[in-house]
Amino acid sequence: MTAIRKWAVLVEETVVEAGRPVSPSIRRAVAMAVLRNPFAARFEEDLTVLVELGATLGAELAARAIAALAISGEEVHSFGKAAIVGEDGELEHAAALLHPKMGAPVRTALGKGPALIPSAKKRGGMGAAIDVPLGHKDAAFVRSHFDAIEARLPDAPRRDEILLCLALTTGGRPLPRIGGLTVEGIVGEDGLR
């Protein structure tokens, strides 16, 4: 397995928005792994190593984020994933981690989650930030859960590393009021509604 240099979890809790209490408060966690990029500074046709690593890290990041939120996986509302590739890597390296196999173990940890997991990727240096997009895990059309959370680590990614992030939340945006499908109206069969 590719070497992990660092694990980190960021947790934030919103208790007041626009001078109004948010009850229950909304917690968001971003679990992060900093890993050596096995394909840094060289082209490789077969990215299977990163694809398989995406599954392993998806499970571990989900477990860490759920623990940080202090809830069960079934209680998670939103999810999102993102990666920053160091300058000696390719965006396709981030895609290999994020897309083919990372979602299944995340959904297993949540007990459900048929919606597509929103994602973002970019290339950047140490301290680069990325906005991890968020969406409701069971129904992508729930507008109150269209959101993002910024993730960054001061010393990652180095030029031959990848910073991989998974964000989970206990709710949508504070004080939502733009209409659309509500959490109570989710059917939860097709990942959309």
Protein backbone atom coordinates (compact mmCIF):
# COMPACT_ATOMS: atom_id res chain seq x y z
CA MET A 1 0.00 0.00 0.00
CA THR A 2 1.11 3.53 -0.71
CA ALA A 3 2.51 5.22 2.38
CA ILE A 4 0.21 7.52 4.34
CA ARG A 5 2.17 10.41 5.81
CA LYS A 6 -0.63 12.05 7.76
CA TRP A 7 -4.24 11.72 8.85
CA ALA A 8 -6.31 14.71 9.91
CA VAL A 9 -9.95 15.48 10.71
CA LEU A 10 -11.47 18.96 10.71
CA VAL A 11 -14.77 19.37 12.59
CA GLU A 12 -16.89 22.50 12.66
CA GLU A 13 -20.19 23.11 14.42
CA THR A 14 -22.59 25.92 13.54
CA VAL A 15 -24.73 27.05 16.47
CA VAL A 16 -25.72 30.56 15.32
CA GLU A 17 -26.40 31.87 11.81
CA ALA A 18 -27.53 35.42 10.98
CA GLY A 19 -27.95 36.08 14.70
CA ARG A 20 -30.40 33.17 15.05
CA PRO A 21 -29.80 29.93 16.93
CA VAL A 22 -29.34 26.80 14.83
CA SER A 23 -31.07 23.96 16.62
CA PRO A 24 -30.02 21.31 16.41
CA SER A 25 -26.55 22.59 15.61
CA ILE A 26 -25.01 21.43 12.33
CA ARG A 27 -21.69 19.63 12.44
CA ARG A 28 -19.48 19.01 9.43
CA ALA A 29 -16.35 16.87 9.39
CA VAL A 30 -13.66 16.53 6.75
CA ALA A 31 -11.42 13.50 7.16
CA MET A 32 -8.14 13.77 5.24
CA ALA A 33 -5.28 11.49 4.26
CA VAL A 34 -1.96 12.64 2.86
CA LEU A 35 -0.44 9.88 0.76
CA ARG A 36 2.59 9.40 -1.41
CA ASN A 37 1.68 9.46 -5.10
CA PRO A 38 3.19 6.27 -6.57
CA PHE A 39 3.01 7.79 -10.07
CA ALA A 40 4.50 11.22 -9.31
CA ALA A 41 6.80 12.53 -12.06
CA ARG A 42 6.04 9.67 -14.48
CA PHE A 43 3.25 8.60 -16.78
CA GLU A 44 1.61 5.27 -16.02
CA GLU A 45 -1.19 3.82 -18.15
CA ASP A 46 -2.50 1.49 -15.44
CA LEU A 47 -3.75 3.37 -12.35
CA THR A 48 -5.20 0.29 -10.62
CA VAL A 49 -3.05 0.88 -7.52
CA LEU A 50 -4.79 4.21 -6.90
CA VAL A 51 -8.23 2.85 -7.81
CA GLU A 52 -7.89 0.09 -5.20
CA LEU A 53 -6.45 2.54 -2.69
CA GLY A 54 -9.54 4.72 -3.18
CA ALA A 55 -11.70 1.89 -1.83
CA THR A 56 -9.46 1.29 1.19
CA LEU A 57 -9.15 4.98 2.02
CA GLY A 58 -12.86 5.60 1.44
CA ALA A 59 -13.68 3.15 4.23
CA GLU A 60 -11.06 4.59 6.59
CA LEU A 61 -11.96 8.23 5.95
CA ALA A 62 -15.66 7.47 6.42
CA ALA A 63 -14.96 5.77 9.75
CA ARG A 64 -12.86 8.73 10.93
CA ALA A 65 -15.44 11.34 9.87
CA ILE A 66 -18.34 9.43 11.44
CA ALA A 67 -16.39 9.06 14.69
CA ALA A 68 -15.60 12.79 14.69
CA LEU A 69 -19.28 13.63 14.25
CA ALA A 70 -20.17 11.26 17.12
CA ILE A 71 -23.19 9.83 15.28
CA SER A 72 -23.99 6.62 13.47
CA GLY A 73 -23.36 6.36 9.74
CA GLU A 74 -27.11 6.19 9.13
CA GLU A 75 -27.51 9.64 10.72
CA VAL A 76 -25.20 11.36 8.21
CA HIS A 77 -27.05 13.82 5.96
CA SER A 78 -24.54 14.98 3.35
CA PHE A 79 -21.34 13.80 1.76
CA GLY A 80 -18.65 15.00 -0.62
CA LYS A 81 -15.11 14.10 -1.65
CA ALA A 82 -12.12 15.91 -3.09
CA ALA A 83 -8.41 15.58 -3.79
CA ILE A 84 -5.45 17.85 -4.39
CA VAL A 85 -2.58 16.36 -6.39
CA GLY A 86 0.91 17.72 -5.83
CA GLU A 87 2.68 19.32 -8.78
CA ASP A 88 4.42 16.12 -9.91
CA GLY A 89 1.07 14.34 -10.28
CA GLU A 90 -1.82 14.39 -12.73
CA LEU A 91 -5.49 15.18 -12.21
CA GLU A 92 -6.13 11.62 -13.39
CA HIS A 93 -4.39 10.39 -10.23
CA ALA A 94 -7.03 12.21 -8.16
CA ALA A 95 -9.76 10.79 -10.40
CA ALA A 96 -8.43 7.25 -9.88
CA LEU A 97 -8.74 7.66 -6.10
CA LEU A 98 -12.11 9.41 -6.14
CA HIS A 99 -14.27 7.77 -8.77
CA PRO A 100 -14.09 4.06 -9.57
CA LYS A 101 -14.23 2.51 -6.08
CA MET A 102 -14.20 5.09 -3.27
CA GLY A 103 -17.98 5.53 -3.13
CA ALA A 104 -19.02 1.94 -2.32
CA PRO A 105 -17.25 1.69 1.07
CA VAL A 106 -18.46 5.18 2.01
CA ARG A 107 -22.06 4.15 1.27
CA THR A 108 -21.55 0.92 3.25
CA ALA A 109 -20.38 2.96 6.27
CA LEU A 110 -23.48 5.15 5.96
CA GLY A 111 -25.90 2.26 5.53
CA LYS A 112 -27.26 3.97 2.42
CA GLY A 113 -26.41 6.82 0.10
CA PRO A 114 -27.71 6.25 -3.43
CA ALA A 115 -27.00 9.83 -4.57
CA LEU A 116 -23.83 10.59 -6.48
CA ILE A 117 -21.10 11.80 -4.14
CA PRO A 118 -20.18 15.32 -5.27
CA SER A 119 -16.48 15.66 -5.98
CA ALA A 120 -13.72 18.10 -6.86
CA LYS A 121 -10.08 17.76 -7.83
CA LYS A 122 -7.21 20.09 -8.55
CA ARG A 123 -3.45 20.35 -8.62
CA GLY A 124 -1.80 22.45 -5.92
CA GLY A 125 1.11 22.85 -3.57
CA MET A 126 1.51 22.78 0.18
CA GLY A 127 -1.26 24.67 1.93
CA ALA A 128 -3.55 24.73 -1.11
CA ALA A 129 -7.23 24.74 -0.22
CA ILE A 130 -10.06 22.90 -1.92
CA ASP A 131 -13.80 23.34 -1.56
CA VAL A 132 -15.31 19.91 -0.97
CA PRO A 133 -18.79 20.02 -2.54
CA LEU A 134 -21.64 18.60 -0.46
CA GLY A 135 -24.98 17.05 -1.36
CA HIS A 136 -27.60 14.98 0.45
CA LYS A 137 -26.57 11.31 0.52
CA ASP A 138 -30.00 9.93 -0.39
CA ALA A 139 -31.46 12.53 -2.75
CA ALA A 140 -29.38 14.86 -4.89
CA PHE A 141 -32.27 17.31 -5.41
CA VAL A 142 -32.48 18.39 -1.75
CA ARG A 143 -31.50 22.07 -2.18
CA SER A 144 -30.99 22.70 1.53
CA HIS A 145 -27.94 20.43 1.36
CA PHE A 146 -26.20 22.05 -1.65
CA ASP A 147 -23.10 23.32 0.11
CA ALA A 148 -19.31 23.03 0.39
CA ILE A 149 -16.66 22.99 3.07
CA GLU A 150 -13.08 24.15 2.63
CA ALA A 151 -10.27 21.73 3.41
CA ARG A 152 -6.53 22.31 3.60
CA LEU A 153 -3.42 21.26 5.46
CA PRO A 154 -0.48 23.65 5.81
CA ASP A 155 2.14 21.08 4.76
CA ALA A 156 0.29 19.12 2.08
CA PRO A 157 0.37 18.06 -0.60
CA ARG A 158 4.07 17.97 -1.27
CA ARG A 159 4.99 17.70 -4.96
CA ASP A 160 4.89 13.88 -4.83
CA GLU A 161 1.77 13.55 -2.66
CA ILE A 162 -2.03 13.61 -2.84
CA LEU A 163 -4.34 15.10 -0.23
CA LEU A 164 -7.58 13.05 -0.22
CA CYS A 165 -10.67 14.38 1.58
CA LEU A 166 -14.08 13.03 2.56
CA ALA A 167 -16.67 15.37 4.10
CA LEU A 168 -19.76 14.24 6.04
CA THR A 169 -22.39 16.35 7.80
CA THR A 170 -25.24 16.14 10.31
CA GLY A 171 -27.43 18.53 8.32
CA GLY A 172 -27.71 20.95 5.42
CA ARG A 173 -27.13 24.68 5.40
CA PRO A 174 -28.29 26.59 8.47
CA LEU A 175 -31.73 28.22 8.11
CA PRO A 176 -32.50 27.00 4.55
CA ARG A 177 -35.41 28.77 2.85
CA ILE A 178 -35.12 28.57 -0.94
CA GLY A 179 -37.72 25.83 -1.40
CA GLY A 180 -37.47 22.59 -3.33
CA LEU A 181 -37.41 19.02 -2.11
CA THR A 182 -37.13 18.75 1.67
CA VAL A 183 -35.50 16.03 3.73
CA GLU A 184 -38.98 14.94 4.85
CA GLY A 185 -40.03 14.52 1.20
CA ILE A 186 -37.19 12.20 0.17
CA VAL A 187 -38.32 8.98 -1.49
CA GLY A 188 -34.73 7.69 -1.61
CA GLU A 189 -35.01 5.17 -4.46
CA ASP A 190 -33.10 6.69 -7.38
CA GLY A 191 -30.57 8.95 -5.63
CA LEU A 192 -32.29 12.01 -7.09
CA ARG A 193 -35.53 12.48 -5.13
